[in-house]
Amino acid sequence: MFNDALALAGVIGFYLVVWGLVFAGTGLFVGAFIPFITGDTLLFASGLIAASNPDLNIVILALGTGIAAFIGDQVGFVMGKHLGRPYLDARSGPRMRKIIDSVDVMYQRYGWWSVVVARFVPWARVFVPWVAGISAMPYFKFLSSNFVGAFLWGVGLTLTGWGVHFIPGVKPVAYVIAGVVISISIIAGFRTWRENRIPREER
């Protein structure tokens, strides 16, 4: 019974870590520094792991990931609406402000679709909810675009990783690629974090 409880705790812990990272990616800005660990690579890798572990339920994992992605963007939208662009700029270095400006152009041009498409673009997925909130996008319009984007991305990529496991010869390569991308993301995230810590007067 103890072993069963321990195994269950491990499964629940896995779900919570994946969902927590997905939520934090946009809801808490973590994705601005480690976009791949909170994004596509995480989803793909979690699907791979679920396929090789019979204790993990891919339906629960995928649906939970979609919900976490949806809630994270809703939080970003509300914060952007209430805190505004000055708050965002005050906490961003030059590099991040350039990314935010690019995301703003993307949003102004594509509106509803920018929220959906941004889900698949590192960094853009972090800032589009904020930009939409700052730009006073109607709440239910954002809600619908966020729902579509979050579930296409969250459920779709997780199921893709799960499906790859069953293709002979592809799984080992997928793990190697995921490992390389995660390593690059950690290095890039650390550099971005350092750049954003430098006082503005020293830039």
N, C-alpha and C. Protein backbone atom coordinates (compact mmCIF):
# COMPACT_ATOMS: atom_id res chain seq x y z
N MET A 1 0.83 -1.21 0.00
CA MET A 1 0.00 0.00 0.00
C MET A 1 0.86 1.26 0.00
N PHE A 2 1.96 1.23 0.78
CA PHE A 2 2.86 2.38 0.83
C PHE A 2 3.47 2.64 -0.54
N ASN A 3 3.89 1.56 -1.21
CA ASN A 3 4.48 1.71 -2.54
C ASN A 3 3.47 2.29 -3.53
N ASP A 4 2.22 1.85 -3.40
CA ASP A 4 1.18 2.38 -4.28
C ASP A 4 0.96 3.87 -4.03
N ALA A 5 0.97 4.25 -2.76
CA ALA A 5 0.79 5.66 -2.41
C ALA A 5 1.96 6.49 -2.92
N LEU A 6 3.16 5.92 -2.81
CA LEU A 6 4.36 6.62 -3.28
C LEU A 6 4.31 6.80 -4.79
N ALA A 7 3.87 5.75 -5.49
CA ALA A 7 3.76 5.83 -6.94
C ALA A 7 2.72 6.87 -7.35
N LEU A 8 1.60 6.90 -6.61
CA LEU A 8 0.55 7.87 -6.90
C LEU A 8 1.04 9.29 -6.67
N ALA A 9 1.82 9.48 -5.59
CA ALA A 9 2.37 10.80 -5.29
C ALA A 9 3.31 11.25 -6.40
N GLY A 10 4.08 10.29 -6.94
CA GLY A 10 4.99 10.62 -8.04
C GLY A 10 4.24 11.04 -9.29
N VAL A 11 3.15 10.35 -9.58
CA VAL A 11 2.33 10.68 -10.74
C VAL A 11 1.70 12.06 -10.59
N ILE A 12 1.10 12.30 -9.42
CA ILE A 12 0.48 13.60 -9.16
C ILE A 12 1.53 14.71 -9.21
N GLY A 13 2.70 14.43 -8.64
CA GLY A 13 3.78 15.41 -8.67
C GLY A 13 4.20 15.75 -10.09
N PHE A 14 4.27 14.74 -10.95
CA PHE A 14 4.63 14.97 -12.35
C PHE A 14 3.61 15.89 -13.02
N TYR A 15 2.33 15.57 -12.83
CA TYR A 15 1.28 16.42 -13.40
C TYR A 15 1.42 17.86 -12.92
N LEU A 16 1.60 18.02 -11.61
CA LEU A 16 1.64 19.36 -11.03
C LEU A 16 2.85 20.16 -11.51
N VAL A 17 3.99 19.50 -11.68
CA VAL A 17 5.18 20.18 -12.18
C VAL A 17 4.96 20.67 -13.60
N VAL A 18 4.44 19.80 -14.46
CA VAL A 18 4.19 20.18 -15.85
C VAL A 18 3.17 21.31 -15.92
N TRP A 19 2.06 21.14 -15.23
CA TRP A 19 1.01 22.17 -15.26
C TRP A 19 1.49 23.48 -14.64
N GLY A 20 2.27 23.37 -13.56
CA GLY A 20 2.78 24.57 -12.90
C GLY A 20 3.71 25.35 -13.80
N LEU A 21 4.59 24.66 -14.52
CA LEU A 21 5.51 25.33 -15.44
C LEU A 21 4.77 25.98 -16.59
N VAL A 22 3.76 25.28 -17.11
CA VAL A 22 2.97 25.84 -18.21
C VAL A 22 2.25 27.11 -17.76
N PHE A 23 1.64 27.05 -16.58
CA PHE A 23 0.96 28.24 -16.04
C PHE A 23 1.94 29.37 -15.81
N ALA A 24 3.07 29.06 -15.16
CA ALA A 24 4.06 30.08 -14.83
C ALA A 24 4.68 30.71 -16.07
N GLY A 25 4.71 29.96 -17.17
CA GLY A 25 5.30 30.47 -18.40
C GLY A 25 4.70 31.78 -18.84
N THR A 26 3.37 31.91 -18.74
CA THR A 26 2.71 33.15 -19.14
C THR A 26 2.12 33.90 -17.94
N GLY A 27 1.62 33.16 -16.96
CA GLY A 27 0.99 33.81 -15.81
C GLY A 27 1.97 34.51 -14.90
N LEU A 28 3.21 34.00 -14.82
CA LEU A 28 4.21 34.57 -13.91
C LEU A 28 5.47 35.03 -14.63
N PHE A 29 5.42 35.12 -15.96
CA PHE A 29 6.55 35.65 -16.75
C PHE A 29 7.76 34.73 -16.84
N VAL A 30 7.67 33.53 -16.28
CA VAL A 30 8.83 32.63 -16.29
C VAL A 30 9.24 32.32 -17.73
N GLY A 31 8.28 32.26 -18.63
CA GLY A 31 8.57 31.95 -20.02
C GLY A 31 9.40 32.99 -20.73
N ALA A 32 9.52 34.19 -20.15
CA ALA A 32 10.36 35.22 -20.75
C ALA A 32 11.84 34.87 -20.63
N PHE A 33 12.17 34.04 -19.64
CA PHE A 33 13.57 33.69 -19.39
C PHE A 33 13.91 32.27 -19.82
N ILE A 34 12.97 31.35 -19.68
CA ILE A 34 13.19 29.97 -20.12
C ILE A 34 12.00 29.51 -20.96
N PRO A 35 11.85 30.08 -22.17
CA PRO A 35 10.65 29.84 -22.97
C PRO A 35 10.43 28.40 -23.37
N PHE A 36 11.51 27.64 -23.59
CA PHE A 36 11.34 26.28 -24.07
C PHE A 36 11.01 25.31 -22.93
N ILE A 37 11.56 25.59 -21.76
CA ILE A 37 11.29 24.72 -20.61
C ILE A 37 9.85 24.88 -20.15
N THR A 38 9.25 26.03 -20.41
CA THR A 38 7.84 26.24 -20.05
C THR A 38 6.95 26.16 -21.28
N GLY A 39 7.52 25.74 -22.41
CA GLY A 39 6.77 25.78 -23.65
C GLY A 39 6.75 24.48 -24.43
N ASP A 40 7.03 24.58 -25.73
CA ASP A 40 6.88 23.45 -26.64
C ASP A 40 7.66 22.22 -26.21
N THR A 41 8.92 22.41 -25.82
CA THR A 41 9.75 21.28 -25.44
C THR A 41 9.20 20.55 -24.23
N LEU A 42 8.73 21.31 -23.26
CA LEU A 42 8.13 20.71 -22.06
C LEU A 42 6.93 19.84 -22.43
N LEU A 43 6.06 20.37 -23.27
CA LEU A 43 4.86 19.64 -23.64
C LEU A 43 5.20 18.36 -24.40
N PHE A 44 6.10 18.50 -25.36
CA PHE A 44 6.51 17.35 -26.18
C PHE A 44 7.16 16.28 -25.30
N ALA A 45 8.07 16.72 -24.43
CA ALA A 45 8.77 15.77 -23.56
C ALA A 45 7.83 15.11 -22.56
N SER A 46 6.87 15.86 -22.04
CA SER A 46 5.93 15.27 -21.08
C SER A 46 5.06 14.21 -21.76
N GLY A 47 4.72 14.44 -23.02
CA GLY A 47 3.97 13.44 -23.78
C GLY A 47 4.77 12.18 -24.00
N LEU A 48 6.06 12.35 -24.31
CA LEU A 48 6.96 11.20 -24.47
C LEU A 48 7.04 10.38 -23.19
N ILE A 49 7.21 11.08 -22.08
CA ILE A 49 7.33 10.40 -20.79
C ILE A 49 6.03 9.67 -20.44
N ALA A 50 4.90 10.30 -20.71
CA ALA A 50 3.61 9.68 -20.41
C ALA A 50 3.41 8.40 -21.21
N ALA A 51 3.91 8.40 -22.44
CA ALA A 51 3.76 7.21 -23.29
C ALA A 51 4.58 6.03 -22.78
N SER A 52 5.68 6.33 -22.10
CA SER A 52 6.56 5.26 -21.62
C SER A 52 6.29 4.87 -20.17
N ASN A 53 5.35 5.57 -19.52
CA ASN A 53 5.02 5.28 -18.13
C ASN A 53 3.53 4.94 -18.02
N PRO A 54 3.20 3.69 -17.77
CA PRO A 54 1.78 3.28 -17.72
C PRO A 54 0.99 3.92 -16.58
N ASP A 55 1.68 4.49 -15.59
CA ASP A 55 0.98 5.13 -14.48
C ASP A 55 0.45 6.52 -14.85
N LEU A 56 1.00 7.09 -15.93
CA LEU A 56 0.58 8.42 -16.35
C LEU A 56 -0.54 8.32 -17.37
N ASN A 57 -1.57 9.10 -17.17
CA ASN A 57 -2.73 9.10 -18.06
C ASN A 57 -2.60 10.27 -19.04
N ILE A 58 -2.46 9.97 -20.32
CA ILE A 58 -2.23 11.02 -21.32
C ILE A 58 -3.42 11.97 -21.43
N VAL A 59 -4.62 11.47 -21.22
CA VAL A 59 -5.81 12.34 -21.31
C VAL A 59 -5.79 13.38 -20.19
N ILE A 60 -5.51 12.92 -18.96
CA ILE A 60 -5.43 13.84 -17.82
C ILE A 60 -4.31 14.84 -18.03
N LEU A 61 -3.15 14.35 -18.47
CA LEU A 61 -1.99 15.22 -18.68
C LEU A 61 -2.29 16.28 -19.73
N ALA A 62 -2.81 15.86 -20.88
CA ALA A 62 -3.04 16.78 -21.99
C ALA A 62 -4.12 17.81 -21.66
N LEU A 63 -5.23 17.36 -21.10
CA LEU A 63 -6.30 18.29 -20.75
C LEU A 63 -5.86 19.27 -19.66
N GLY A 64 -5.13 18.75 -18.67
CA GLY A 64 -4.63 19.62 -17.60
C GLY A 64 -3.66 20.66 -18.13
N THR A 65 -2.85 20.26 -19.11
CA THR A 65 -1.90 21.20 -19.72
C THR A 65 -2.65 22.31 -20.46
N GLY A 66 -3.69 21.94 -21.19
CA GLY A 66 -4.49 22.94 -21.88
C GLY A 66 -5.14 23.92 -20.91
N ILE A 67 -5.66 23.39 -19.81
CA ILE A 67 -6.30 24.24 -18.80
C ILE A 67 -5.27 25.18 -18.14
N ALA A 68 -4.09 24.64 -17.82
CA ALA A 68 -3.03 25.47 -17.21
C ALA A 68 -2.61 26.59 -18.15
N ALA A 69 -2.49 26.27 -19.44
CA ALA A 69 -2.12 27.28 -20.43
C ALA A 69 -3.20 28.36 -20.52
N PHE A 70 -4.44 27.94 -20.51
CA PHE A 70 -5.57 28.87 -20.58
C PHE A 70 -5.59 29.81 -19.38
N ILE A 71 -5.44 29.25 -18.18
CA ILE A 71 -5.48 30.08 -16.97
C ILE A 71 -4.29 31.04 -16.93
N GLY A 72 -3.12 30.57 -17.34
CA GLY A 72 -1.93 31.43 -17.36
C GLY A 72 -2.13 32.66 -18.22
N ASP A 73 -2.71 32.48 -19.41
CA ASP A 73 -2.95 33.61 -20.30
C ASP A 73 -4.03 34.55 -19.74
N GLN A 74 -5.03 33.98 -19.09
CA GLN A 74 -6.07 34.82 -18.49
C GLN A 74 -5.47 35.73 -17.42
N VAL A 75 -4.56 35.17 -16.64
CA VAL A 75 -3.89 35.97 -15.60
C VAL A 75 -3.07 37.09 -16.25
N GLY A 76 -2.32 36.75 -17.31
CA GLY A 76 -1.53 37.76 -18.01
C GLY A 76 -2.40 38.87 -18.59
N PHE A 77 -3.54 38.50 -19.14
CA PHE A 77 -4.47 39.49 -19.72
C PHE A 77 -4.98 40.45 -18.65
N VAL A 78 -5.41 39.92 -17.53
CA VAL A 78 -5.94 40.75 -16.45
C VAL A 78 -4.86 41.67 -15.89
N MET A 79 -3.64 41.14 -15.73
CA MET A 79 -2.55 41.96 -15.21
C MET A 79 -2.19 43.08 -16.19
N GLY A 80 -2.16 42.74 -17.48
CA GLY A 80 -1.88 43.77 -18.48
C GLY A 80 -2.94 44.86 -18.49
N LYS A 81 -4.18 44.47 -18.34
CA LYS A 81 -5.29 45.42 -18.34
C LYS A 81 -5.23 46.37 -17.15
N HIS A 82 -4.84 45.85 -15.99
CA HIS A 82 -4.87 46.66 -14.77
C HIS A 82 -3.54 47.36 -14.47
N LEU A 83 -2.42 46.79 -14.90
CA LEU A 83 -1.12 47.37 -14.57
C LEU A 83 -0.54 48.22 -15.70
N GLY A 84 -0.89 47.90 -16.95
CA GLY A 84 -0.49 48.73 -18.07
C GLY A 84 0.94 48.55 -18.55
N ARG A 85 1.26 49.24 -19.64
CA ARG A 85 2.57 49.13 -20.28
C ARG A 85 3.72 49.66 -19.42
N PRO A 86 3.55 50.76 -18.67
CA PRO A 86 4.67 51.25 -17.84
C PRO A 86 5.19 50.18 -16.87
N TYR A 87 4.28 49.42 -16.28
CA TYR A 87 4.69 48.35 -15.36
C TYR A 87 5.54 47.32 -16.10
N LEU A 88 5.13 46.99 -17.31
CA LEU A 88 5.85 46.00 -18.10
C LEU A 88 7.23 46.51 -18.49
N ASP A 89 7.30 47.76 -18.95
CA ASP A 89 8.57 48.34 -19.38
C ASP A 89 9.55 48.49 -18.22
N ALA A 90 9.02 48.82 -17.04
CA ALA A 90 9.88 49.04 -15.88
C ALA A 90 10.59 47.76 -15.44
N ARG A 91 10.05 46.63 -15.82
CA ARG A 91 10.63 45.34 -15.41
C ARG A 91 11.26 44.59 -16.58
N SER A 92 11.53 45.32 -17.66
CA SER A 92 12.11 44.69 -18.84
C SER A 92 13.37 45.42 -19.28
N GLY A 93 14.38 44.66 -19.70
CA GLY A 93 15.58 45.25 -20.26
C GLY A 93 15.36 45.63 -21.71
N PRO A 94 16.37 46.22 -22.37
CA PRO A 94 16.24 46.64 -23.77
C PRO A 94 15.81 45.51 -24.70
N ARG A 95 16.39 44.34 -24.50
CA ARG A 95 16.06 43.21 -25.37
C ARG A 95 14.59 42.83 -25.23
N MET A 96 14.11 42.77 -23.99
CA MET A 96 12.72 42.41 -23.76
C MET A 96 11.77 43.47 -24.29
N ARG A 97 12.16 44.74 -24.16
CA ARG A 97 11.29 45.80 -24.67
C ARG A 97 11.16 45.73 -26.18
N LYS A 98 12.23 45.33 -26.86
CA LYS A 98 12.16 45.16 -28.32
C LYS A 98 11.22 44.01 -28.67
N ILE A 99 11.28 42.94 -27.89
CA ILE A 99 10.37 41.81 -28.12
C ILE A 99 8.93 42.25 -27.88
N ILE A 100 8.70 43.01 -26.81
CA ILE A 100 7.35 43.48 -26.51
C ILE A 100 6.83 44.37 -27.63
N ASP A 101 7.69 45.24 -28.17
CA ASP A 101 7.29 46.10 -29.28
C ASP A 101 6.89 45.26 -30.49
N SER A 102 7.66 44.20 -30.77
CA SER A 102 7.34 43.32 -31.90
C SER A 102 6.01 42.61 -31.68
N VAL A 103 5.80 42.17 -30.44
CA VAL A 103 4.54 41.50 -30.11
C VAL A 103 3.37 42.47 -30.25
N ASP A 104 3.59 43.72 -29.86
CA ASP A 104 2.54 44.74 -29.98
C ASP A 104 2.14 44.94 -31.44
N VAL A 105 3.15 44.99 -32.32
CA VAL A 105 2.88 45.12 -33.76
C VAL A 105 2.08 43.92 -34.26
N MET A 106 2.49 42.74 -33.82
CA MET A 106 1.79 41.51 -34.20
C MET A 106 0.33 41.55 -33.75
N TYR A 107 0.12 42.00 -32.52
CA TYR A 107 -1.25 42.05 -32.00
C TYR A 107 -2.09 43.07 -32.76
N GLN A 108 -1.54 44.26 -32.99
CA GLN A 108 -2.30 45.30 -33.69
C GLN A 108 -2.67 44.88 -35.10
N ARG A 109 -1.83 44.05 -35.71
CA ARG A 109 -2.07 43.62 -37.08
C ARG A 109 -3.06 42.47 -37.17
N TYR A 110 -2.94 41.51 -36.24
CA TYR A 110 -3.73 40.28 -36.38
C TYR A 110 -4.82 40.08 -35.32
N GLY A 111 -4.79 40.89 -34.26
CA GLY A 111 -5.87 40.85 -33.28
C GLY A 111 -6.14 39.47 -32.70
N TRP A 112 -7.35 38.97 -32.90
CA TRP A 112 -7.80 37.69 -32.34
C TRP A 112 -6.83 36.57 -32.66
N TRP A 113 -6.40 36.52 -33.93
CA TRP A 113 -5.52 35.43 -34.36
C TRP A 113 -4.14 35.50 -33.72
N SER A 114 -3.70 36.69 -33.34
CA SER A 114 -2.36 36.81 -32.73
C SER A 114 -2.29 36.04 -31.42
N VAL A 115 -3.39 36.00 -30.69
CA VAL A 115 -3.42 35.27 -29.41
C VAL A 115 -3.29 33.77 -29.66
N VAL A 116 -3.94 33.29 -30.72
CA VAL A 116 -3.87 31.86 -31.07
C VAL A 116 -2.47 31.49 -31.56
N VAL A 117 -1.97 32.26 -32.52
CA VAL A 117 -0.68 31.95 -33.15
C VAL A 117 0.48 32.12 -32.17
N ALA A 118 0.39 33.12 -31.30
CA ALA A 118 1.48 33.40 -30.35
C ALA A 118 1.78 32.21 -29.45
N ARG A 119 0.81 31.36 -29.24
CA ARG A 119 1.01 30.17 -28.42
C ARG A 119 2.18 29.32 -28.93
N PHE A 120 2.42 29.37 -30.21
CA PHE A 120 3.44 28.52 -30.82
C PHE A 120 4.76 29.27 -31.05
N VAL A 121 4.85 30.50 -30.53
CA VAL A 121 6.04 31.33 -30.74
C VAL A 121 6.67 31.67 -29.38
N PRO A 122 7.90 31.19 -29.11
CA PRO A 122 8.56 31.52 -27.84
C PRO A 122 8.61 33.04 -27.63
N TRP A 123 8.48 33.47 -26.41
CA TRP A 123 8.44 34.86 -25.99
C TRP A 123 7.12 35.55 -26.37
N ALA A 124 6.65 35.37 -27.60
CA ALA A 124 5.39 36.00 -27.99
C ALA A 124 4.26 35.50 -27.10
N ARG A 125 4.28 34.20 -26.77
CA ARG A 125 3.20 33.65 -25.95
C ARG A 125 3.17 34.27 -24.55
N VAL A 126 4.33 34.78 -24.11
CA VAL A 126 4.41 35.39 -22.78
C VAL A 126 3.75 36.78 -22.77
N PHE A 127 4.00 37.54 -23.84
CA PHE A 127 3.61 38.95 -23.82
C PHE A 127 2.30 39.27 -24.53
N VAL A 128 1.83 38.41 -25.42
CA VAL A 128 0.57 38.71 -26.11
C VAL A 128 -0.60 38.90 -25.14
N PRO A 129 -0.75 38.06 -24.09
CA PRO A 129 -1.85 38.32 -23.15
C PRO A 129 -1.76 39.70 -22.50
N TRP A 130 -0.55 40.10 -22.13
CA TRP A 130 -0.35 41.43 -21.55
C TRP A 130 -0.72 42.52 -22.54
N VAL A 131 -0.20 42.39 -23.76
CA VAL A 131 -0.46 43.40 -24.79
C VAL A 131 -1.95 43.49 -25.09
N ALA A 132 -2.62 42.34 -25.14
CA ALA A 132 -4.07 42.33 -25.38
C ALA A 132 -4.81 43.05 -24.25
N GLY A 133 -4.37 42.82 -23.02
CA GLY A 133 -4.99 43.50 -21.88
C GLY A 133 -4.73 44.99 -21.90
N ILE A 134 -3.48 45.37 -22.21
CA ILE A 134 -3.11 46.78 -22.29
C ILE A 134 -3.90 47.49 -23.39
N SER A 135 -4.13 46.78 -24.50
CA SER A 135 -4.84 47.35 -25.65
C SER A 135 -6.35 47.31 -25.49
N ALA A 136 -6.82 46.88 -24.33
CA ALA A 136 -8.26 46.83 -24.02
C ALA A 136 -9.03 45.94 -24.98
N MET A 137 -8.46 44.79 -25.32
CA MET A 137 -9.19 43.81 -26.13
C MET A 137 -10.42 43.37 -25.35
N PRO A 138 -11.60 43.30 -25.98
CA PRO A 138 -12.80 42.86 -25.27
C PRO A 138 -12.57 41.52 -24.58
N TYR A 139 -13.03 41.42 -23.34
CA TYR A 139 -12.72 40.25 -22.51
C TYR A 139 -13.13 38.94 -23.17
N PHE A 140 -14.35 38.86 -23.67
CA PHE A 140 -14.82 37.60 -24.23
C PHE A 140 -14.17 37.27 -25.57
N LYS A 141 -13.71 38.30 -26.26
CA LYS A 141 -12.95 38.07 -27.49
C LYS A 141 -11.61 37.42 -27.15
N PHE A 142 -10.96 37.95 -26.10
CA PHE A 142 -9.71 37.33 -25.67
C PHE A 142 -9.96 35.93 -25.13
N LEU A 143 -11.02 35.78 -24.38
CA LEU A 143 -11.36 34.48 -23.79
C LEU A 143 -11.47 33.41 -24.88
N SER A 144 -12.15 33.73 -25.97
CA SER A 144 -12.34 32.74 -27.03
C SER A 144 -11.03 32.42 -27.75
N SER A 145 -10.23 33.44 -28.04
CA SER A 145 -8.96 33.20 -28.73
C SER A 145 -7.99 32.45 -27.83
N ASN A 146 -8.00 32.78 -26.54
CA ASN A 146 -7.14 32.08 -25.58
C ASN A 146 -7.55 30.62 -25.46
N PHE A 147 -8.84 30.36 -25.43
CA PHE A 147 -9.33 28.98 -25.34
C PHE A 147 -8.85 28.15 -26.53
N VAL A 148 -9.01 28.69 -27.73
CA VAL A 148 -8.59 27.97 -28.94
C VAL A 148 -7.08 27.75 -28.93
N GLY A 149 -6.32 28.81 -28.69
CA GLY A 149 -4.86 28.70 -28.71
C GLY A 149 -4.32 27.78 -27.63
N ALA A 150 -4.85 27.91 -26.42
CA ALA A 150 -4.35 27.11 -25.29
C ALA A 150 -4.57 25.63 -25.52
N PHE A 151 -5.72 25.26 -26.07
CA PHE A 151 -6.00 23.84 -26.24
C PHE A 151 -5.37 23.26 -27.51
N LEU A 152 -5.26 24.06 -28.57
CA LEU A 152 -4.52 23.58 -29.74
C LEU A 152 -3.07 23.31 -29.37
N TRP A 153 -2.51 24.23 -28.61
CA TRP A 153 -1.10 24.13 -28.22
C TRP A 153 -0.90 23.13 -27.09
N GLY A 154 -1.61 23.32 -25.99
CA GLY A 154 -1.41 22.50 -24.81
C GLY A 154 -1.75 21.04 -25.02
N VAL A 155 -2.92 20.79 -25.59
CA VAL A 155 -3.34 19.41 -25.84
C VAL A 155 -2.62 18.84 -27.06
N GLY A 156 -2.53 19.65 -28.13
CA GLY A 156 -1.95 19.17 -29.38
C GLY A 156 -0.50 18.73 -29.27
N LEU A 157 0.35 19.57 -28.67
CA LEU A 157 1.78 19.24 -28.58
C LEU A 157 2.03 18.09 -27.60
N THR A 158 1.24 18.04 -26.54
CA THR A 158 1.40 16.94 -25.58
C THR A 158 1.05 15.61 -26.25
N LEU A 159 -0.03 15.58 -27.01
CA LEU A 159 -0.42 14.36 -27.73
C LEU A 159 0.58 14.01 -28.82
N THR A 160 1.20 15.03 -29.42
CA THR A 160 2.22 14.77 -30.45
C THR A 160 3.41 14.05 -29.84
N GLY A 161 3.88 14.53 -28.68
CA GLY A 161 4.99 13.85 -28.00
C GLY A 161 4.63 12.43 -27.63
N TRP A 162 3.41 12.23 -27.17
CA TRP A 162 2.93 10.90 -26.81
C TRP A 162 2.91 9.99 -28.03
N GLY A 163 2.45 10.50 -29.16
CA GLY A 163 2.36 9.69 -30.37
C GLY A 163 3.71 9.31 -30.94
N VAL A 164 4.69 10.21 -30.82
CA VAL A 164 6.03 9.95 -31.35
C VAL A 164 6.65 8.72 -30.70
N HIS A 165 6.31 8.48 -29.45
CA HIS A 165 6.86 7.33 -28.72
C HIS A 165 6.59 6.02 -29.46
N PHE A 166 5.52 5.96 -30.18
CA PHE A 166 5.12 4.71 -30.82
C PHE A 166 5.62 4.58 -32.26
N ILE A 167 6.44 5.54 -32.71
CA ILE A 167 7.03 5.46 -34.04
C ILE A 167 8.43 4.88 -33.91
N PRO A 168 8.69 3.70 -34.46
CA PRO A 168 10.00 3.05 -34.32
C PRO A 168 11.15 3.93 -34.82
N GLY A 169 12.20 4.02 -34.01
CA GLY A 169 13.39 4.75 -34.41
C GLY A 169 13.35 6.25 -34.17
N VAL A 170 12.19 6.79 -33.88
CA VAL A 170 12.07 8.24 -33.71
C VAL A 170 12.28 8.66 -32.26
N LYS A 171 11.85 7.82 -31.32
CA LYS A 171 11.89 8.18 -29.90
C LYS A 171 13.28 8.59 -29.40
N PRO A 172 14.36 7.80 -29.67
CA PRO A 172 15.68 8.21 -29.17
C PRO A 172 16.11 9.58 -29.68
N VAL A 173 15.84 9.84 -30.96
CA VAL A 173 16.20 11.13 -31.55
C VAL A 173 15.41 12.26 -30.88
N ALA A 174 14.14 12.00 -30.61
CA ALA A 174 13.29 13.02 -29.98
C ALA A 174 13.82 13.39 -28.60
N TYR A 175 14.27 12.41 -27.83
CA TYR A 175 14.82 12.68 -26.50
C TYR A 175 16.10 13.52 -26.59
N VAL A 176 16.94 13.21 -27.56
CA VAL A 176 18.19 13.96 -27.74
C VAL A 176 17.88 15.41 -28.10
N ILE A 177 16.97 15.61 -29.04
CA ILE A 177 16.60 16.96 -29.46
C ILE A 177 16.01 17.74 -28.28
N ALA A 178 15.14 17.10 -27.52
CA ALA A 178 14.54 17.76 -26.36
C ALA A 178 15.61 18.17 -25.35
N GLY A 179 16.59 17.30 -25.11
CA GLY A 179 17.67 17.61 -24.18
C GLY A 179 18.51 18.78 -24.64
N VAL A 180 18.82 18.82 -25.94
CA VAL A 180 19.63 19.91 -26.49
C VAL A 180 18.87 21.24 -26.38
N VAL A 181 17.60 21.22 -26.75
CA VAL A 181 16.80 22.45 -26.71
C VAL A 181 16.65 22.97 -25.28
N ILE A 182 16.45 22.06 -24.33
CA ILE A 182 16.34 22.47 -22.92
C ILE A 182 17.65 23.11 -22.44
N SER A 183 18.78 22.52 -22.82
CA SER A 183 20.09 23.07 -22.43
C SER A 183 20.29 24.47 -23.00
N ILE A 184 19.95 24.63 -24.27
CA ILE A 184 20.07 25.94 -24.91
C ILE A 184 19.16 26.95 -24.23
N SER A 185 17.96 26.52 -23.88
CA SER A 185 17.00 27.41 -23.24
C SER A 185 17.51 27.88 -21.88
N ILE A 186 18.13 26.99 -21.12
CA ILE A 186 18.67 27.37 -19.81
C ILE A 186 19.75 28.43 -19.96
N ILE A 187 20.65 28.23 -20.93
CA ILE A 187 21.73 29.19 -21.16
C ILE A 187 21.17 30.53 -21.61
N ALA A 188 20.24 30.49 -22.58
CA ALA A 188 19.64 31.73 -23.09
C ALA A 188 18.86 32.44 -21.99
N GLY A 189 18.16 31.66 -21.17
CA GLY A 189 17.39 32.24 -20.09
C GLY A 189 18.27 32.93 -19.06
N PHE A 190 19.41 32.31 -18.74
CA PHE A 190 20.34 32.90 -17.79
C PHE A 190 20.90 34.21 -18.33
N ARG A 191 21.24 34.24 -19.63
CA ARG A 191 21.76 35.47 -20.23
C ARG A 191 20.71 36.57 -20.22
N THR A 192 19.46 36.21 -20.55
CA THR A 192 18.39 37.20 -20.55
C THR A 192 18.16 37.74 -19.14
N TRP A 193 18.19 36.85 -18.16
CA TRP A 193 18.02 37.26 -16.77
C TRP A 193 19.11 38.23 -16.35
N ARG A 194 20.36 37.96 -16.74
CA ARG A 194 21.47 38.84 -16.39
C ARG A 194 21.32 40.20 -17.06
N GLU A 195 20.93 40.19 -18.33
CA GLU A 195 20.75 41.45 -19.05
C GLU A 195 19.70 42.33 -18.39
N ASN A 196 18.64 41.70 -17.91
CA ASN A 196 17.55 42.47 -17.31
C ASN A 196 17.85 42.90 -15.88
N ARG A 197 18.96 42.42 -15.30
CA ARG A 197 19.35 42.85 -13.96
C ARG A 197 20.25 44.06 -14.00
N ILE A 198 20.84 44.34 -15.16
CA ILE A 198 21.76 45.47 -15.28
C ILE A 198 20.98 46.78 -15.15
N PRO A 199 21.36 47.64 -14.25
CA PRO A 199 20.65 48.91 -14.09
C PRO A 199 20.61 49.69 -15.40
N ARG A 200 19.55 50.40 -15.65
CA ARG A 200 19.39 51.10 -16.92
C ARG A 200 20.49 52.13 -17.16
N GLU A 201 20.93 52.78 -16.08
CA GLU A 201 21.94 53.80 -16.27
C GLU A 201 23.28 53.22 -16.71
N GLU A 202 23.47 51.91 -16.56
CA GLU A 202 24.72 51.29 -16.97
C GLU A 202 24.65 50.77 -18.39
N ARG A 203 23.49 50.81 -19.02
CA ARG A 203 23.33 50.27 -20.36
C ARG A 203 23.92 51.23 -21.38
